[in-house]
C-alpha cells in the first residue's frame, strides 16, 4: 500500500545540530500528530535519502534547486510505499498511535 503526501525539507541556518530536516506528511493524516523527521548534516545525504524513498531524479533535482534558492523545499503529490515510510522512520505519531 502506498501513502501519498508531501515531502518537506527545511534547512537550518543557525545552530550546531543537523542542517537539514526531512519530513513526510501523508494527505490522510488530517494534520493530527507530528510527522516523522529525519535529520542530515549534508545535502548529499538528503539526496541519497530521497533516492532510498523512491523519489525520482527530476523531483530530487527540483528539491535541491529549491534548497539552493531558499531555506526549504516541498515536494507535493509524492507516493511512497508504506513499508518504505516505516523503514525510513517517517511514520507520524498519530499513525503510530492507531496501529
PDB file of N, CA and C in Angstrom:
ATOM      1  N   UNK A   1       0.844  -1.173   0.000  1.00  0.00           N
ATOM      2  CA  UNK A   1       0.000   0.000   0.000  1.00  0.00           C
ATOM      3  C   UNK A   1       0.894   1.242   0.000  1.00  0.00           C
ATOM      4  N   UNK A   2       0.508   2.233  -0.782  1.00  0.00           N
ATOM      5  CA  UNK A   2       1.315   3.451  -0.888  1.00  0.00           C
ATOM      6  C   UNK A   2       0.645   4.601  -0.150  1.00  0.00           C
ATOM      7  N   UNK A   3       1.466   5.441   0.436  1.00  0.00           N
ATOM      8  CA  UNK A   3       0.997   6.666   1.075  1.00  0.00           C
ATOM      9  C   UNK A   3       1.307   7.824   0.152  1.00  0.00           C
ATOM     10  N   UNK A   4       0.336   8.702  -0.058  1.00  0.00           N
ATOM     11  CA  UNK A   4       0.577   9.900  -0.843  1.00  0.00           C
ATOM     12  C   UNK A   4       0.641  11.079   0.098  1.00  0.00           C
ATOM     13  N   UNK A   5       1.539  12.001  -0.201  1.00  0.00           N
ATOM     14  CA  UNK A   5       1.679  13.163   0.657  1.00  0.00           C
ATOM     15  C   UNK A   5       2.735  14.106   0.134  1.00  0.00           C
ATOM     16  N   UNK A   6       3.237  14.926   1.039  1.00  0.00           N
ATOM     17  CA  UNK A   6       4.234  15.939   0.714  1.00  0.00           C
ATOM     18  C   UNK A   6       5.504  15.693   1.510  1.00  0.00           C
ATOM     19  N   UNK A   7       6.622  15.720   0.817  1.00  0.00           N
ATOM     20  CA  UNK A   7       7.918  15.682   1.481  1.00  0.00           C
ATOM     21  C   UNK A   7       8.344  17.120   1.694  1.00  0.00           C
ATOM     22  N   UNK A   8       8.682  17.447   2.924  1.00  0.00           N
ATOM     23  CA  UNK A   8       9.144  18.796   3.256  1.00  0.00           C
ATOM     24  C   UNK A   8      10.591  18.715   3.731  1.00  0.00           C
ATOM     25  N   UNK A   9      11.396  19.638   3.233  1.00  0.00           N
ATOM     26  CA  UNK A   9      12.804  19.710   3.627  1.00  0.00           C
ATOM     27  C   UNK A   9      13.066  21.120   4.117  1.00  0.00           C
ATOM     28  N   UNK A  10      13.637  21.223   5.286  1.00  0.00           N
ATOM     29  CA  UNK A  10      13.949  22.537   5.856  1.00  0.00           C
ATOM     30  C   UNK A  10      15.440  22.593   6.174  1.00  0.00           C
ATOM     31  N   UNK A  11      16.055  23.683   5.752  1.00  0.00           N
ATOM     32  CA  UNK A  11      17.477  23.879   6.044  1.00  0.00           C
ATOM     33  C   UNK A  11      17.606  24.872   7.182  1.00  0.00           C
ATOM     34  N   UNK A  12      18.337  24.488   8.201  1.00  0.00           N
ATOM     35  CA  UNK A  12      18.567  25.331   9.370  1.00  0.00           C
ATOM     36  C   UNK A  12      19.819  26.157   9.133  1.00  0.00           C
ATOM     37  N   UNK A  13      19.737  27.432   9.385  1.00  0.00           N
ATOM     38  CA  UNK A  13      20.881  28.320   9.173  1.00  0.00           C
ATOM     39  C   UNK A  13      21.755  28.375  10.423  1.00  0.00           C
ATOM     40  N   UNK A  14      21.147  28.510  11.567  1.00  0.00           N
ATOM     41  CA  UNK A  14      21.890  28.675  12.825  1.00  0.00           C
ATOM     42  C   UNK A  14      21.932  27.367  13.605  1.00  0.00           C
ATOM     43  N   UNK A  15      22.768  27.338  14.604  1.00  0.00           N
ATOM     44  CA  UNK A  15      22.819  26.188  15.498  1.00  0.00           C
ATOM     45  C   UNK A  15      23.908  25.215  15.111  1.00  0.00           C
ATOM     46  N   UNK A  16      24.084  24.239  15.974  1.00  0.00           N
ATOM     47  CA  UNK A  16      25.132  23.250  15.759  1.00  0.00           C
ATOM     48  C   UNK A  16      24.573  21.885  15.389  1.00  0.00           C
ATOM     49  N   UNK A  17      23.264  21.764  15.331  1.00  0.00           N
ATOM     50  CA  UNK A  17      22.640  20.488  15.005  1.00  0.00           C
ATOM     51  C   UNK A  17      22.652  20.219  13.514  1.00  0.00           C
ATOM     52  N   UNK A  18      21.862  19.254  13.109  1.00  0.00           N
ATOM     53  CA  UNK A  18      21.782  18.881  11.705  1.00  0.00           C
ATOM     54  C   UNK A  18      21.256  20.046  10.870  1.00  0.00           C
ATOM     55  N   UNK A  19      21.833  20.220   9.712  1.00  0.00           N
ATOM     56  CA  UNK A  19      21.469  21.340   8.848  1.00  0.00           C
ATOM     57  C   UNK A  19      20.158  21.121   8.110  1.00  0.00           C
ATOM     58  N   UNK A  20      19.798  19.865   7.825  1.00  0.00           N
ATOM     59  CA  UNK A  20      18.612  19.575   7.029  1.00  0.00           C
ATOM     60  C   UNK A  20      17.672  18.641   7.777  1.00  0.00           C
ATOM     61  N   UNK A  21      16.387  18.962   7.718  1.00  0.00           N
ATOM     62  CA  UNK A  21      15.360  18.114   8.317  1.00  0.00           C
ATOM     63  C   UNK A  21      14.353  17.743   7.235  1.00  0.00           C
ATOM     64  N   UNK A  22      14.106  16.440   7.099  1.00  0.00           N
ATOM     65  CA  UNK A  22      13.215  15.931   6.066  1.00  0.00           C
ATOM     66  C   UNK A  22      12.018  15.271   6.750  1.00  0.00           C
ATOM     67  N   UNK A  23      10.812  15.638   6.309  1.00  0.00           N
ATOM     68  CA  UNK A  23       9.605  15.013   6.850  1.00  0.00           C
ATOM     69  C   UNK A  23       8.681  14.618   5.708  1.00  0.00           C
ATOM     70  N   UNK A  24       7.820  13.655   5.984  1.00  0.00           N
ATOM     71  CA  UNK A  24       6.798  13.224   5.032  1.00  0.00           C
ATOM     72  C   UNK A  24       5.452  13.369   5.712  1.00  0.00           C
ATOM     73  N   UNK A  25       4.579  14.168   5.107  1.00  0.00           N
ATOM     74  CA  UNK A  25       3.252  14.405   5.670  1.00  0.00           C
ATOM     75  C   UNK A  25       2.218  13.780   4.736  1.00  0.00           C
ATOM     76  N   UNK A  26       1.652  12.628   5.123  1.00  0.00           N
ATOM     77  CA  UNK A  26       0.639  11.983   4.280  1.00  0.00           C
ATOM     78  C   UNK A  26      -0.629  12.829   4.206  1.00  0.00           C
ATOM     79  N   UNK A  27      -1.292  12.778   3.062  1.00  0.00           N
ATOM     80  CA  UNK A  27      -2.523  13.546   2.888  1.00  0.00           C
ATOM     81  C   UNK A  27      -3.641  13.059   3.796  1.00  0.00           C
ATOM     82  N   UNK A  28      -3.639  11.797   4.176  1.00  0.00           N
ATOM     83  CA  UNK A  28      -4.711  11.272   5.026  1.00  0.00           C
ATOM     84  C   UNK A  28      -4.437  11.462   6.510  1.00  0.00           C
ATOM     85  N   UNK A  29      -3.411  12.247   6.864  1.00  0.00           N
ATOM     86  CA  UNK A  29      -3.065  12.418   8.280  1.00  0.00           C
ATOM     87  C   UNK A  29      -3.979  13.409   8.991  1.00  0.00           C
ATOM     88  N   UNK A  30      -4.765  14.188   8.257  1.00  0.00           N
ATOM     89  CA  UNK A  30      -5.692  15.172   8.841  1.00  0.00           C
ATOM     90  C   UNK A  30      -4.969  16.154   9.765  1.00  0.00           C
ATOM     91  N   UNK A  31      -3.685  16.396   9.514  1.00  0.00           N
ATOM     92  CA  UNK A  31      -2.876  17.318  10.312  1.00  0.00           C
ATOM     93  C   UNK A  31      -2.855  16.963  11.791  1.00  0.00           C
ATOM     94  N   UNK A  32      -3.071  15.696  12.117  1.00  0.00           N
ATOM     95  CA  UNK A  32      -3.011  15.248  13.508  1.00  0.00           C
ATOM     96  C   UNK A  32      -1.659  14.599  13.739  1.00  0.00           C
ATOM     97  N   UNK A  33      -1.093  14.850  14.876  1.00  0.00           N
ATOM     98  CA  UNK A  33       0.201  14.264  15.190  1.00  0.00           C
ATOM     99  C   UNK A  33       1.341  15.045  14.563  1.00  0.00           C
ATOM    100  N   UNK A  34       2.527  14.545  14.784  1.00  0.00           N
ATOM    101  CA  UNK A  34       3.730  15.175  14.279  1.00  0.00           C
ATOM    102  C   UNK A  34       4.363  14.242  13.263  1.00  0.00           C
ATOM    103  N   UNK A  35       4.761  14.793  12.130  1.00  0.00           N
ATOM    104  CA  UNK A  35       5.391  13.978  11.101  1.00  0.00           C
ATOM    105  C   UNK A  35       6.728  13.455  11.601  1.00  0.00           C
ATOM    106  N   UNK A  36       7.064  12.245  11.182  1.00  0.00           N
ATOM    107  CA  UNK A  36       8.378  11.714  11.485  1.00  0.00           C
ATOM    108  C   UNK A  36       9.422  12.540  10.763  1.00  0.00           C
ATOM    109  N   UNK A  37      10.496  12.858  11.434  1.00  0.00           N
ATOM    110  CA  UNK A  37      11.525  13.724  10.864  1.00  0.00           C
ATOM    111  C   UNK A  37      12.860  13.009  10.888  1.00  0.00           C
ATOM    112  N   UNK A  38      13.576  13.093   9.782  1.00  0.00           N
ATOM    113  CA  UNK A  38      14.949  12.602   9.688  1.00  0.00           C
ATOM    114  C   UNK A  38      15.856  13.813   9.508  1.00  0.00           C
ATOM    115  N   UNK A  39      16.989  13.795  10.156  1.00  0.00           N
ATOM    116  CA  UNK A  39      17.923  14.923  10.114  1.00  0.00           C
ATOM    117  C   UNK A  39      19.224  14.513   9.444  1.00  0.00           C
ATOM    118  N   UNK A  40      19.786  15.447   8.683  1.00  0.00           N
ATOM    119  CA  UNK A  40      21.022  15.198   7.951  1.00  0.00           C
ATOM    120  C   UNK A  40      21.920  16.426   8.028  1.00  0.00           C
ATOM    121  N   UNK A  41      23.232  16.194   7.989  1.00  0.00           N
ATOM    122  CA  UNK A  41      24.196  17.285   8.071  1.00  0.00           C
ATOM    123  C   UNK A  41      24.577  17.840   6.705  1.00  0.00           C
ATOM    124  N   UNK A  42      24.462  17.049   5.655  1.00  0.00           N
ATOM    125  CA  UNK A  42      24.901  17.483   4.333  1.00  0.00           C
ATOM    126  C   UNK A  42      23.826  17.223   3.290  1.00  0.00           C
ATOM    127  N   UNK A  43      23.799  18.082   2.286  1.00  0.00           N
ATOM    128  CA  UNK A  43      22.790  17.974   1.233  1.00  0.00           C
ATOM    129  C   UNK A  43      22.940  16.660   0.450  1.00  0.00           C
ATOM    130  N   UNK A  44      24.148  16.125   0.358  1.00  0.00           N
ATOM    131  CA  UNK A  44      24.348  14.848  -0.326  1.00  0.00           C
ATOM    132  C   UNK A  44      23.606  13.719   0.394  1.00  0.00           C
ATOM    133  N   UNK A  45      23.532  13.810   1.714  1.00  0.00           N
ATOM    134  CA  UNK A  45      22.791  12.806   2.485  1.00  0.00           C
ATOM    135  C   UNK A  45      21.288  12.933   2.238  1.00  0.00           C
ATOM    136  N   UNK A  46      20.816  14.169   2.085  1.00  0.00           N
ATOM    137  CA  UNK A  46      19.403  14.390   1.763  1.00  0.00           C
ATOM    138  C   UNK A  46      19.098  13.768   0.405  1.00  0.00           C
ATOM    139  N   UNK A  47      19.970  14.011  -0.558  1.00  0.00           N
ATOM    140  CA  UNK A  47      19.794  13.452  -1.905  1.00  0.00           C
ATOM    141  C   UNK A  47      19.728  11.925  -1.843  1.00  0.00           C
ATOM    142  N   UNK A  48      20.643  11.310  -1.130  1.00  0.00           N
ATOM    143  CA  UNK A  48      20.673   9.850  -1.014  1.00  0.00           C
ATOM    144  C   UNK A  48      19.419   9.324  -0.311  1.00  0.00           C
ATOM    145  N   UNK A  49      18.963  10.033   0.724  1.00  0.00           N
ATOM    146  CA  UNK A  49      17.767   9.617   1.450  1.00  0.00           C
ATOM    147  C   UNK A  49      16.536   9.674   0.549  1.00  0.00           C
ATOM    148  N   UNK A  50      16.397  10.757  -0.212  1.00  0.00           N
ATOM    149  CA  UNK A  50      15.263  10.867  -1.128  1.00  0.00           C
ATOM    150  C   UNK A  50      15.287   9.737  -2.150  1.00  0.00           C
ATOM    151  N   UNK A  51      16.468   9.378  -2.579  1.00  0.00           N
ATOM    152  CA  UNK A  51      16.615   8.275  -3.536  1.00  0.00           C
ATOM    153  C   UNK A  51      16.141   6.967  -2.918  1.00  0.00           C
ATOM    154  N   UNK A  52      16.472   6.724  -1.635  1.00  0.00           N
ATOM    155  CA  UNK A  52      16.030   5.491  -0.976  1.00  0.00           C
ATOM    156  C   UNK A  52      14.515   5.461  -0.784  1.00  0.00           C
ATOM    157  N   UNK A  53      13.898   6.639  -0.733  1.00  0.00           N
ATOM    158  CA  UNK A  53      12.437   6.703  -0.618  1.00  0.00           C
ATOM    159  C   UNK A  53      11.760   6.403  -1.952  1.00  0.00           C
ATOM    160  N   UNK A  54      12.548   6.360  -3.019  1.00  0.00           N
ATOM    161  CA  UNK A  54      11.976   6.094  -4.340  1.00  0.00           C
ATOM    162  C   UNK A  54      11.579   7.347  -5.082  1.00  0.00           C
ATOM    163  N   UNK A  55      12.052   8.490  -4.625  1.00  0.00           N
ATOM    164  CA  UNK A  55      11.752   9.764  -5.296  1.00  0.00           C
ATOM    165  C   UNK A  55      12.559   9.812  -6.588  1.00  0.00           C
ATOM    166  N   UNK A  56      11.922  10.229  -7.667  1.00  0.00           N
ATOM    167  CA  UNK A  56      12.580  10.301  -8.969  1.00  0.00           C
ATOM    168  C   UNK A  56      13.651  11.381  -9.031  1.00  0.00           C
ATOM    169  N   UNK A  57      14.596  11.183  -9.944  1.00  0.00           N
ATOM    170  CA  UNK A  57      15.713  12.116 -10.101  1.00  0.00           C
ATOM    171  C   UNK A  57      15.245  13.537 -10.396  1.00  0.00           C
ATOM    172  N   UNK A  58      14.194  13.683 -11.201  1.00  0.00           N
ATOM    173  CA  UNK A  58      13.704  15.017 -11.534  1.00  0.00           C
ATOM    174  C   UNK A  58      13.166  15.744 -10.306  1.00  0.00           C
ATOM    175  N   UNK A  59      12.475  15.015  -9.419  1.00  0.00           N
ATOM    176  CA  UNK A  59      11.969  15.632  -8.189  1.00  0.00           C
ATOM    177  C   UNK A  59      13.104  15.941  -7.216  1.00  0.00           C
ATOM    178  N   UNK A  60      14.106  15.072  -7.162  1.00  0.00           N
ATOM    179  CA  UNK A  60      15.262  15.328  -6.300  1.00  0.00           C
ATOM    180  C   UNK A  60      15.988  16.586  -6.775  1.00  0.00           C
ATOM    181  N   UNK A  61      16.181  16.703  -8.077  1.00  0.00           N
ATOM    182  CA  UNK A  61      16.838  17.897  -8.630  1.00  0.00           C
ATOM    183  C   UNK A  61      16.026  19.150  -8.312  1.00  0.00           C
ATOM    184  N   UNK A  62      14.688  19.044  -8.402  1.00  0.00           N
ATOM    185  CA  UNK A  62      13.827  20.181  -8.072  1.00  0.00           C
ATOM    186  C   UNK A  62      13.974  20.565  -6.610  1.00  0.00           C
ATOM    187  N   UNK A  63      14.003  19.579  -5.721  1.00  0.00           N
ATOM    188  CA  UNK A  63      14.158  19.849  -4.278  1.00  0.00           C
ATOM    189  C   UNK A  63      15.487  20.545  -4.014  1.00  0.00           C
ATOM    190  N   UNK A  64      16.549  20.088  -4.644  1.00  0.00           N
ATOM    191  CA  UNK A  64      17.865  20.700  -4.436  1.00  0.00           C
ATOM    192  C   UNK A  64      17.900  22.130  -4.983  1.00  0.00           C
ATOM    193  N   UNK A  65      17.210  22.375  -6.085  1.00  0.00           N
ATOM    194  CA  UNK A  65      17.104  23.757  -6.614  1.00  0.00           C
ATOM    195  C   UNK A  65      16.358  24.646  -5.621  1.00  0.00           C
ATOM    196  N   UNK A  66      15.260  24.114  -5.054  1.00  0.00           N
ATOM    197  CA  UNK A  66      14.501  24.889  -4.073  1.00  0.00           C
ATOM    198  C   UNK A  66      15.364  25.213  -2.854  1.00  0.00           C
ATOM    199  N   UNK A  67      16.158  24.246  -2.402  1.00  0.00           N
ATOM    200  CA  UNK A  67      17.029  24.468  -1.244  1.00  0.00           C
ATOM    201  C   UNK A  67      18.112  25.490  -1.557  1.00  0.00           C
ATOM    202  N   UNK A  68      18.625  25.458  -2.777  1.00  0.00           N
ATOM    203  CA  UNK A  68      19.660  26.419  -3.165  1.00  0.00           C
ATOM    204  C   UNK A  68      19.092  27.836  -3.224  1.00  0.00           C
ATOM    205  N   UNK A  69      17.806  27.953  -3.552  1.00  0.00           N
ATOM    206  CA  UNK A  69      17.170  29.264  -3.666  1.00  0.00           C
ATOM    207  C   UNK A  69      16.667  29.800  -2.330  1.00  0.00           C
ATOM    208  N   UNK A  70      16.489  28.940  -1.350  1.00  0.00           N
ATOM    209  CA  UNK A  70      15.935  29.372  -0.064  1.00  0.00           C
ATOM    210  C   UNK A  70      16.231  28.375   1.030  1.00  0.00           C
ATOM    211  N   UNK A  71      15.446  28.445   2.098  1.00  0.00           N
ATOM    212  CA  UNK A  71      15.689  27.585   3.258  1.00  0.00           C
ATOM    213  C   UNK A  71      14.847  26.329   3.292  1.00  0.00           C
ATOM    214  N   UNK A  72      13.916  26.177   2.359  1.00  0.00           N
ATOM    215  CA  UNK A  72      13.070  24.991   2.407  1.00  0.00           C
ATOM    216  C   UNK A  72      12.707  24.516   1.010  1.00  0.00           C
ATOM    217  N   UNK A  73      12.223  23.287   0.968  1.00  0.00           N
ATOM    218  CA  UNK A  73      11.751  22.688  -0.274  1.00  0.00           C
ATOM    219  C   UNK A  73      10.516  21.863   0.043  1.00  0.00           C
ATOM    220  N   UNK A  74       9.638  21.767  -0.923  1.00  0.00           N
ATOM    221  CA  UNK A  74       8.414  20.998  -0.754  1.00  0.00           C
ATOM    222  C   UNK A  74       8.166  20.197  -2.024  1.00  0.00           C
ATOM    223  N   UNK A  75       7.923  18.909  -1.851  1.00  0.00           N
ATOM    224  CA  UNK A  75       7.621  18.030  -2.977  1.00  0.00           C
ATOM    225  C   UNK A  75       6.232  17.435  -2.762  1.00  0.00           C
ATOM    226  N   UNK A  76       5.199  18.061  -3.339  1.00  0.00           N
ATOM    227  CA  UNK A  76       3.834  17.550  -3.158  1.00  0.00           C
ATOM    228  C   UNK A  76       3.555  16.356  -4.067  1.00  0.00           C
ATOM    229  N   UNK A  77       2.491  15.657  -3.745  1.00  0.00           N
ATOM    230  CA  UNK A  77       1.994  14.546  -4.566  1.00  0.00           C
ATOM    231  C   UNK A  77       3.010  13.431  -4.748  1.00  0.00           C
ATOM    232  N   UNK A  78       3.727  13.104  -3.683  1.00  0.00           N
ATOM    233  CA  UNK A  78       4.698  12.021  -3.714  1.00  0.00           C
ATOM    234  C   UNK A  78       4.029  10.765  -3.170  1.00  0.00           C
ATOM    235  N   UNK A  79       4.262   9.652  -3.835  1.00  0.00           N
ATOM    236  CA  UNK A  79       3.704   8.375  -3.393  1.00  0.00           C
ATOM    237  C   UNK A  79       4.848   7.487  -2.911  1.00  0.00           C
ATOM    238  N   UNK A  80       4.763   7.062  -1.645  1.00  0.00           N
ATOM    239  CA  UNK A  80       5.803   6.234  -1.040  1.00  0.00           C
ATOM    240  C   UNK A  80       5.138   5.009  -0.423  1.00  0.00           C
ATOM    241  N   UNK A  81       5.711   3.858  -0.681  1.00  0.00           N
ATOM    242  CA  UNK A  81       5.183   2.611  -0.112  1.00  0.00           C
ATOM    243  C   UNK A  81       5.205   2.694   1.408  1.00  0.00           C
ATOM    244  N   UNK A  82       4.174   2.168   2.034  1.00  0.00           N
ATOM    245  CA  UNK A  82       4.058   2.211   3.494  1.00  0.00           C
ATOM    246  C   UNK A  82       5.256   1.555   4.176  1.00  0.00           C
ATOM    247  N   UNK A  83       5.735   0.471   3.611  1.00  0.00           N
ATOM    248  CA  UNK A  83       6.895  -0.207   4.199  1.00  0.00           C
ATOM    249  C   UNK A  83       8.144   0.678   4.143  1.00  0.00           C
ATOM    250  N   UNK A  84       8.284   1.460   3.094  1.00  0.00           N
ATOM    251  CA  UNK A  84       9.432   2.366   2.956  1.00  0.00           C
ATOM    252  C   UNK A  84       9.308   3.508   3.963  1.00  0.00           C
ATOM    253  N   UNK A  85       8.105   4.034   4.143  1.00  0.00           N
ATOM    254  CA  UNK A  85       7.873   5.101   5.115  1.00  0.00           C
ATOM    255  C   UNK A  85       8.257   4.625   6.515  1.00  0.00           C
ATOM    256  N   UNK A  86       7.856   3.415   6.855  1.00  0.00           N
ATOM    257  CA  UNK A  86       8.177   2.858   8.179  1.00  0.00           C
ATOM    258  C   UNK A  86       9.671   2.634   8.345  1.00  0.00           C
ATOM    259  N   UNK A  87      10.281   1.994   7.361  1.00  0.00           N
ATOM    260  CA  UNK A  87      11.712   1.683   7.483  1.00  0.00           C
ATOM    261  C   UNK A  87      12.569   2.939   7.468  1.00  0.00           C
ATOM    262  N   UNK A  88      12.069   4.015   6.854  1.00  0.00           N
ATOM    263  CA  UNK A  88      12.819   5.277   6.799  1.00  0.00           C
ATOM    264  C   UNK A  88      12.634   6.106   8.067  1.00  0.00           C
ATOM    265  N   UNK A  89      11.724   5.693   8.946  1.00  0.00           N
ATOM    266  CA  UNK A  89      11.499   6.438  10.183  1.00  0.00           C
ATOM    267  C   UNK A  89      10.665   7.680   9.995  1.00  0.00           C
ATOM    268  N   UNK A  90       9.789   7.682   8.997  1.00  0.00           N
ATOM    269  CA  UNK A  90       8.962   8.857   8.711  1.00  0.00           C
ATOM    270  C   UNK A  90       7.500   8.662   9.089  1.00  0.00           C
ATOM    271  N   UNK A  91       7.213   7.755  10.003  1.00  0.00           N
ATOM    272  CA  UNK A  91       5.844   7.493  10.438  1.00  0.00           C
ATOM    273  C   UNK A  91       5.413   8.601  11.387  1.00  0.00           C
ATOM    274  N   UNK A  92       4.205   9.134  11.185  1.00  0.00           N
ATOM    275  CA  UNK A  92       3.704  10.172  12.080  1.00  0.00           C
ATOM    276  C   UNK A  92       3.310   9.580  13.405  1.00  0.00           C
ATOM    277  N   UNK A  93       3.339  10.388  14.455  1.00  0.00           N
ATOM    278  CA  UNK A  93       2.976   9.889  15.767  1.00  0.00           C
ATOM    279  C   UNK A  93       1.497   9.499  15.825  1.00  0.00           C
ATOM    280  N   UNK A  94       0.649  10.174  15.063  1.00  0.00           N
ATOM    281  CA  UNK A  94      -0.770   9.813  15.030  1.00  0.00           C
ATOM    282  C   UNK A  94      -0.945   8.449  14.385  1.00  0.00           C
ATOM    283  N   UNK A  95      -0.173   8.167  13.330  1.00  0.00           N
ATOM    284  CA  UNK A  95      -0.262   6.868  12.662  1.00  0.00           C
ATOM    285  C   UNK A  95       0.202   5.768  13.599  1.00  0.00           C
ATOM    286  N   UNK A  96       1.228   6.026  14.368  1.00  0.00           N
ATOM    287  CA  UNK A  96       1.757   5.022  15.292  1.00  0.00           C
ATOM    288  C   UNK A  96       0.734   4.713  16.381  1.00  0.00           C
ATOM    289  N   UNK A  97      -0.003   5.706  16.834  1.00  0.00           N
ATOM    290  CA  UNK A  97      -0.977   5.502  17.896  1.00  0.00           C
ATOM    291  C   UNK A  97      -2.142   4.639  17.421  1.00  0.00           C
ATOM    292  N   UNK A  98      -2.481   4.742  16.124  1.00  0.00           N
ATOM    293  CA  UNK A  98      -3.604   3.981  15.584  1.00  0.00           C
ATOM    294  C   UNK A  98      -3.260   2.525  15.366  1.00  0.00           C
ATOM    295  N   UNK A  99      -2.010   2.170  15.304  1.00  0.00           N
ATOM    296  CA  UNK A  99      -1.606   0.793  14.969  1.00  0.00           C
ATOM    297  C   UNK A  99      -1.464  -0.052  16.194  1.00  0.00           C
TER     298      UNK A  99
END
